[in-house]
Protein backbone atom coordinates (compact mmCIF):
# COMPACT_ATOMS: atom_id res chain seq x y z
CA MET A 1 170.17 98.99 124.57
CA VAL A 2 168.01 100.28 121.73
CA ASN A 3 169.00 102.98 119.28
CA ARG A 4 167.98 104.07 115.81
CA LYS A 5 170.14 103.47 112.79
CA GLU A 6 168.93 104.55 109.34
CA GLY A 7 165.32 104.21 110.45
CA ARG A 8 165.80 100.72 111.88
CA LEU A 9 166.19 99.52 115.43
CA ALA A 10 169.77 98.50 116.19
CA PHE A 11 171.50 97.23 119.29
CA TRP A 12 174.89 97.18 120.92
CA CYS A 13 175.38 93.76 122.42
CA VAL A 14 175.49 93.01 126.11
CA ARG A 15 178.37 90.86 127.26
CA GLU A 16 176.38 87.60 127.16
CA GLU A 17 175.71 88.12 123.44
CA LEU A 18 179.36 88.61 122.48
CA SER A 19 181.79 86.10 121.07
CA GLN A 20 184.69 85.07 123.27
CA LYS A 21 186.95 87.30 121.18
CA ASN A 22 184.76 90.34 121.64
CA ARG A 23 184.23 89.59 125.33
CA LEU A 24 187.98 89.79 125.78
CA ARG A 25 188.04 93.08 123.87
CA ARG A 26 185.30 94.51 126.07
CA SER A 27 187.14 93.40 129.21
CA TYR A 28 190.25 95.14 127.92
CA TYR A 29 188.26 98.26 127.03
CA GLU A 30 186.69 98.42 130.49
CA LEU A 31 190.08 97.95 132.14
CA LEU A 32 191.52 100.82 130.12
CA ARG A 33 188.42 102.89 130.84
CA ASP A 34 188.96 102.43 134.57
CA GLU A 35 192.44 103.88 134.15
CA LEU A 36 191.12 106.72 131.99
CA ASP A 37 188.51 107.50 134.65
CA GLN A 38 191.34 108.11 137.09
CA GLN A 39 193.20 110.43 134.74
CA MET A 40 190.04 112.39 133.97
CA LEU A 41 189.25 112.86 137.67
CA GLN A 42 192.78 114.10 138.24
CA TYR A 43 192.74 116.53 135.32
CA ALA A 44 189.18 117.81 135.64
CA LEU A 45 189.02 118.24 139.39
CA ILE A 46 192.31 118.02 141.26
CA ASP A 47 194.48 119.80 138.68
CA SER A 48 191.83 122.52 138.33
CA TYR A 49 191.70 122.94 142.11
CA ASN A 50 195.48 123.30 142.25
CA LYS A 51 195.36 126.01 139.56
CA PHE A 52 192.94 128.01 141.71
CA ILE A 53 195.21 127.59 144.73
CA LEU A 54 198.30 128.70 142.79
CA LYS A 55 196.51 131.87 141.70
CA LYS A 56 195.26 132.39 145.25
CA THR A 57 191.68 132.37 144.00
CA PRO A 58 188.87 130.82 146.07
CA TYR A 59 187.68 127.58 144.51
CA PRO A 60 184.00 127.78 143.39
CA PHE A 61 182.62 124.60 144.97
CA VAL A 62 179.51 123.19 143.34
CA GLU A 63 176.36 123.59 145.41
CA LYS A 64 173.98 120.71 146.13
CA ARG A 65 171.20 122.21 144.05
CA GLU A 66 173.42 122.14 140.96
CA LEU A 67 173.54 118.34 141.11
CA LYS A 68 169.79 117.83 141.09
CA PRO A 69 168.17 116.76 137.80
CA ARG A 70 166.85 119.79 135.89
CA ALA A 71 169.04 122.11 137.95
CA ARG A 72 170.33 125.35 136.51
CA ILE A 73 174.05 126.02 136.71
CA PRO A 74 175.24 129.62 137.26
CA ALA A 75 176.48 131.02 133.95
CA VAL A 76 179.92 131.95 135.24
CA GLU A 77 183.09 130.87 133.44
CA TYR A 78 186.15 130.16 135.57
CA GLU A 79 189.50 130.61 133.90
CA CYS A 80 191.31 128.13 136.15
CA GLN A 81 188.86 125.29 135.47
CA ASN A 82 190.21 122.76 132.97
CA THR A 83 187.97 122.21 129.94
CA PHE A 84 188.06 119.25 127.57
CA LEU A 85 186.09 116.72 125.55
CA VAL A 86 187.18 113.09 125.15
CA ILE A 87 185.46 110.38 123.11
CA PHE A 88 186.50 106.79 123.84
CA LEU A 89 185.05 103.93 121.76
CA GLU A 90 185.14 100.18 122.23
CA ASP A 91 185.52 99.81 118.45
CA SER A 92 186.41 102.24 115.67
CA ILE A 93 184.19 104.73 113.87
CA PRO A 94 183.49 103.73 110.25
CA ALA A 95 184.60 106.29 107.66
CA THR A 96 180.98 106.80 106.60
CA HIS A 97 180.43 108.85 109.77
CA LYS A 98 183.11 111.45 109.03
CA LYS A 99 180.45 113.91 107.93
CA ASN A 100 179.25 114.25 111.52
CA ILE A 101 182.27 113.13 113.57
CA ARG A 102 184.99 114.97 111.72
CA PHE A 103 188.20 112.96 111.87
CA PHE A 104 190.48 113.16 108.86
CA GLN A 105 194.08 112.66 107.82
CA THR A 106 194.78 116.31 108.65
CA ASN A 107 193.89 115.90 112.35
CA LYS A 108 195.27 112.42 112.82
CA THR A 109 197.70 112.10 115.73
CA THR A 110 200.95 112.13 113.79
CA LYS A 111 204.15 114.02 114.47
CA ALA A 112 203.70 116.22 111.40
CA ASN A 113 200.12 117.17 112.31
CA LEU A 114 200.93 117.87 115.95
CA LEU A 115 203.89 120.10 115.13
CA ARG A 116 201.66 122.25 112.90
CA TYR A 117 199.94 123.50 116.06
CA GLU A 118 202.44 125.91 117.56
CA THR A 119 200.38 126.27 120.75
CA LEU A 120 201.10 122.64 121.70
CA PRO A 121 204.19 122.23 123.92
CA LEU A 122 205.79 119.55 121.75
CA SER A 123 209.47 119.08 121.07
CA GLY A 124 210.94 117.66 117.88
CA LYS A 125 211.07 114.26 119.56
CA PHE A 126 207.77 112.43 119.35
CA ASP A 127 207.36 108.73 119.99
CA ARG A 128 204.49 107.48 117.84
CA ASN A 129 203.78 104.76 120.42
CA GLN A 130 202.72 107.49 122.85
CA LYS A 131 199.26 107.56 121.31
CA TYR A 132 198.51 104.00 122.50
CA LEU A 133 196.74 103.59 125.83
CA ASP A 134 199.07 100.77 126.84
CA CYS A 135 202.13 103.02 126.46
CA SER A 136 203.68 104.32 129.67
CA HIS A 137 203.86 107.85 128.20
CA PHE A 138 200.23 107.98 127.02
CA ASN A 139 199.20 110.22 129.94
CA ASP A 140 201.84 112.77 128.93
CA LEU A 141 200.36 113.06 125.44
CA MET A 142 196.85 113.29 126.88
CA GLU A 143 197.82 116.22 129.11
CA ILE A 144 199.20 118.06 126.08
CA LEU A 145 196.13 117.48 123.90
CA LEU A 146 193.30 117.80 126.44
CA PRO A 147 193.21 121.64 126.30
CA VAL A 148 192.95 121.61 122.48
CA ASP A 149 189.70 122.99 121.05
CA TYR A 150 186.97 120.51 120.14
CA ALA A 151 187.50 116.85 121.07
CA ILE A 152 190.11 114.13 121.13
CA LEU A 153 189.16 110.70 119.84
CA ILE A 154 190.35 107.41 121.31
CA GLN A 155 189.32 104.27 119.44
CA ARG A 156 190.40 100.77 118.49
CA ASP A 157 193.35 100.74 116.11
CA VAL A 158 192.11 98.73 113.13
CA ALA A 159 195.66 98.47 111.77
CA SER A 160 196.69 96.37 114.74
CA LYS A 161 195.84 92.82 113.65
CA LYS A 162 197.50 90.74 116.35
CA LYS A 163 195.57 92.18 119.29
CA ASP A 164 192.97 94.79 120.10
CA ARG A 165 194.82 98.00 120.73
CA PHE A 166 193.38 101.42 121.48
CA SER A 167 194.97 104.68 120.42
CA LEU A 168 194.41 108.41 120.58
CA SER A 169 193.83 108.46 116.85
CA HIS A 170 192.69 112.06 116.25
CA PHE A 171 192.66 115.46 117.92
CA HIS A 172 190.73 118.64 117.12
CA VAL A 173 187.70 116.47 116.31
CA LYS A 174 184.55 118.50 115.68
CA ILE A 175 181.06 117.12 116.39
CA ASP A 176 179.08 118.38 113.41
CA TRP A 177 175.48 117.25 113.95
CA PRO A 178 172.65 119.70 114.74
CA VAL A 179 171.11 119.63 118.21
CA ALA A 180 167.68 119.50 116.58
CA ASP A 181 168.64 116.29 114.73
CA ALA A 182 169.97 114.74 117.93
CA ALA A 183 166.78 115.65 119.82
CA GLU A 184 164.68 114.28 116.95
CA ASP A 185 166.64 111.01 117.02
CA LEU A 186 166.11 110.59 120.76
CA ALA A 187 162.42 111.52 120.65
CA ALA A 188 161.76 109.05 117.83
CA SER A 189 163.50 106.23 119.72
CA LEU A 190 161.42 107.03 122.83
CA ARG A 191 158.25 107.20 120.70
CA TYR A 192 157.38 110.84 121.36
CA ILE A 193 157.33 111.49 117.61
CA SER A 194 156.91 109.16 114.68
CA LYS A 195 159.55 110.72 112.46
CA ASP A 196 159.89 114.53 112.27
CA LEU A 197 160.76 116.90 115.10
CA TYR A 198 158.17 119.46 113.99
CA GLU A 199 155.36 117.05 113.16
CA ARG A 200 153.37 118.33 116.18
CA GLY A 201 154.28 121.99 115.94
CA ASP A 202 156.95 124.40 117.10
CA LYS A 203 156.07 124.32 120.82
CA TYR A 204 156.22 120.51 120.91
CA ALA A 205 159.57 120.58 119.08
CA GLU A 206 160.95 123.05 121.61
CA ASP A 207 159.80 120.85 124.49
CA ILE A 208 161.56 117.87 122.90
CA GLN A 209 164.82 119.78 122.60
CA LYS A 210 164.61 120.84 126.24
CA LYS A 211 164.00 117.22 127.24
CA PHE A 212 166.99 116.16 125.16
CA PHE A 213 169.23 118.25 127.41
CA GLU A 214 167.45 116.94 130.50
CA TYR A 215 168.02 113.34 129.31
CA TYR A 216 171.75 113.99 129.58
CA CYS A 217 171.42 116.00 132.82
CA LEU A 218 172.29 119.39 131.35
CA PRO A 219 170.44 122.71 131.47
CA PHE A 220 168.90 123.77 128.17
CA GLU A 221 171.18 126.83 128.06
CA ALA A 222 174.37 124.73 128.14
CA GLY A 223 176.75 125.28 125.25
CA GLY A 224 180.24 124.51 124.06
CA ARG A 225 181.80 121.20 124.97
CA ARG A 226 178.84 120.06 127.09
CA THR A 227 176.44 120.34 124.17
CA ALA A 228 178.97 118.71 121.85
CA ALA A 229 179.30 115.87 124.37
CA ILE A 230 175.59 115.02 124.47
CA VAL A 231 175.20 115.39 120.70
CA ALA A 232 178.13 113.00 120.25
CA ALA A 233 176.66 110.58 122.80
CA GLN A 234 173.38 110.49 120.89
CA TYR A 235 175.06 110.15 117.51
CA LEU A 236 177.36 107.32 118.60
CA LYS A 237 174.30 105.17 119.35
CA ARG A 238 174.34 104.56 115.59
CA ILE A 239 177.54 102.56 115.98
CA SER A 240 177.15 99.05 117.40
CA CYS A 241 179.61 99.30 120.27
CA ILE A 242 179.75 100.98 123.65
CA SER A 243 181.38 104.37 124.07
CA THR A 244 182.33 106.74 126.87
CA ILE A 245 182.44 110.52 126.71
CA TYR A 246 184.19 112.76 129.22
CA ALA A 247 183.49 116.48 129.29
CA GLY A 248 184.59 119.36 131.45
CA SER A 249 183.44 122.97 131.22
CA SER A 250 184.46 126.19 132.92
CA GLU A 251 180.88 126.68 134.14
CA SER A 252 179.96 123.26 135.54
CA ARG A 253 183.23 122.68 137.50
CA ALA A 254 182.45 118.97 137.14
CA LEU A 255 183.63 115.89 135.31
CA ILE A 256 180.68 114.79 133.18
CA ARG A 257 180.82 111.17 132.09
CA ILE A 258 178.37 109.60 129.61
CA SER A 259 178.47 105.87 128.91
CA GLU A 260 176.18 102.89 128.27
CA ARG A 261 175.33 103.12 131.97
CA GLY A 262 174.04 106.69 131.65
CA VAL A 263 175.33 109.98 133.03
CA SER A 264 177.41 110.82 136.09
CA LYS A 265 178.88 114.03 137.47
CA SER A 266 181.91 114.22 139.73
CA ILE A 267 182.73 117.34 141.71
CA LEU A 268 184.87 118.53 144.61
CA MET A 269 183.12 118.96 147.95
CA ARG A 270 184.20 120.11 151.42
CA LEU A 271 183.71 118.09 154.59
CA THR A 272 184.20 119.21 158.17
CA ASN A 273 186.16 117.10 160.66
CA ASP A 274 182.92 116.06 162.37
CA GLU A 275 181.40 114.96 159.05
CA MET A 276 184.49 112.96 158.16
CA GLU A 277 184.52 111.25 161.54
CA GLN A 278 180.86 110.28 161.13
CA ILE A 279 181.46 108.92 157.62
CA ALA A 280 184.53 107.01 158.76
CA ALA A 281 182.70 105.48 161.72
CA ALA A 282 179.73 104.47 159.56
CA ASN A 283 182.09 102.67 157.16
CA LYS A 284 184.26 101.09 159.89
CA ILE A 285 187.48 102.87 159.01
CA THR A 286 189.53 105.32 161.04
CA PRO A 287 189.40 109.07 160.34
CA ARG A 288 193.09 108.90 159.46
CA THR A 289 192.42 106.19 156.86
CA PHE A 290 189.57 108.24 155.41
CA LYS A 291 191.69 111.35 155.10
CA LYS A 292 194.59 109.48 153.54
CA ASN A 293 192.53 107.71 150.88
CA TYR A 294 189.60 110.02 150.18
CA CYS A 295 190.82 113.58 150.75
CA VAL A 296 192.33 115.63 147.95
CA THR A 297 193.63 118.16 150.49
CA ARG A 298 193.96 117.95 154.25
CA THR A 299 193.56 121.08 156.38
CA ARG A 300 192.67 121.79 159.99
CA ASN A 301 188.96 122.49 159.66
CA LYS A 302 187.71 121.26 156.27
CA ASP A 303 189.03 118.77 153.77
CA VAL A 304 188.22 118.41 150.07
CA CYS A 305 186.89 115.15 148.65
CA ILE A 306 185.58 113.89 145.30
CA PHE A 307 181.82 113.34 145.18
CA GLN A 308 180.06 111.55 142.33
CA ALA A 309 176.37 111.60 141.49
CA THR A 310 175.00 109.05 139.03
CA TYR A 311 171.64 109.49 137.36
CA ALA A 312 168.94 106.96 136.48
CA PHE A 313 166.24 107.17 133.81
CA THR A 314 162.58 107.29 134.72
CA ASN A 315 159.85 105.52 132.74
CA HIS A 316 159.32 108.72 130.74
CA SER A 317 162.85 108.53 129.34
CA ARG A 318 162.72 104.83 128.43
CA THR A 319 161.24 103.24 125.34
CA PRO A 320 157.61 102.24 126.11
CA ASP A 321 157.01 98.51 126.35
CA ASP A 322 154.05 98.65 123.95
CA GLY A 323 155.97 100.70 121.39
CA LYS A 324 153.07 103.10 120.90
CA LEU A 325 153.37 106.83 120.29
CA ARG A 326 152.88 108.98 123.39
CA ASP A 327 152.69 112.66 124.26
CA ILE A 328 155.56 114.47 125.90
CA LYS A 329 154.75 116.03 129.27
CA PRO A 330 157.34 118.70 130.14
CA ASP A 331 156.59 118.70 133.87
CA LEU A 332 157.50 115.02 134.35
CA ASN A 333 161.10 114.26 135.31
CA TRP A 334 163.21 112.20 132.95
CA LEU A 335 166.03 111.64 135.45
CA THR A 336 166.42 110.83 139.09
CA VAL A 337 169.50 110.54 141.29
CA GLY A 338 170.54 106.90 141.17
CA GLY A 339 173.68 106.89 143.31
CA GLN A 340 175.78 109.20 145.47
CA HIS A 341 179.34 108.33 146.48
CA ILE A 342 182.55 109.77 147.81
CA LEU A 343 185.28 108.46 145.52
CA PRO A 344 188.77 107.45 146.61
CA ILE A 345 191.40 109.80 145.24
CA PRO A 346 193.06 108.71 141.96
CA GLY A 347 195.63 106.01 142.49
CA VAL A 348 194.06 104.46 145.60
CA TRP A 349 193.86 100.72 145.03
CA LYS A 350 192.33 99.19 148.14
CA TYR A 351 189.36 101.33 149.16
CA PRO A 352 185.98 101.48 147.34
CA PRO A 353 183.58 104.44 146.86
CA ILE A 354 181.60 105.34 149.98
CA SER A 355 177.85 105.83 149.73
CA LEU A 356 176.73 109.24 151.02
CA ASN A 357 173.35 110.94 150.78
CA PHE A 358 174.55 114.47 150.03
CA ILE A 359 172.23 116.05 147.45
CA TYR A 360 168.97 115.85 149.40
CA THR A 361 170.25 116.47 152.95
């Protein structure tokens, strides 16, 4: 994949270009990422849903139109919806990037730093091994830190020399890079500008910034953690490794995931008994098996499932083959729906995602 680094073209390597050592590290990273995906689905969707139920508040299910590329999301904030921002890298961020990804000694995940934040439900006992993804108590630490403002950073522990080990190294990490700079970086890599965001005037610069949000499947009005997530995703292209960003906002009611594969959104959706029976029959499983492995809740009339939409880039959001400058055309779509699936609930081992055309039916 191509990105820009100090004015030069740089690449993160595909698996076939890695050494055996780094192939093993990537395999380990992807294995840990699979586990983190499960925890994020649980926290973003299921735990949020349960908070609504406990407060006896109707859950605001996401409508189909909100999942379409270029869709506008209602600007309503829901108190019960869990919000968070997680950055997970295959490698570690060099110290030279601290100006824009602000991780310092003061927000490193140490007992002394954590106890300074009185809002965190921490006792005097803190096992420093908890911050490692391979620790059995890592999820407990994640649940404590996920609600913290800004982002939490998970990266390779460079101090671990015997094996590649990943740790939640920092919390309260601020993404300090202007949206205009991120949009300029993307537009230059896609050859819509040669260098400067405003080289073709204010209107063209505004169109580029709107397309920057569209590239990451967000409305232009999005703010907070969602904007920080896409700015971080664009900035991390400067580092020659793959990364994954998870974001949840009180408006979107979705788990937004950005990786080297692009963007996906996972939401909760309701299915009637008839719909579940049709899906089960089409996939050669019994309705009982479907409900057991794919339903977050089971009621008499409608059950709640996890639906994931993945998005694919169009030619207008890819680097042109000839490398020539081109004009941006705001009316042309930069994204299309690439995949639609019902996901098994977290912890299900045997059953795969089920393909379902939901958005355009």
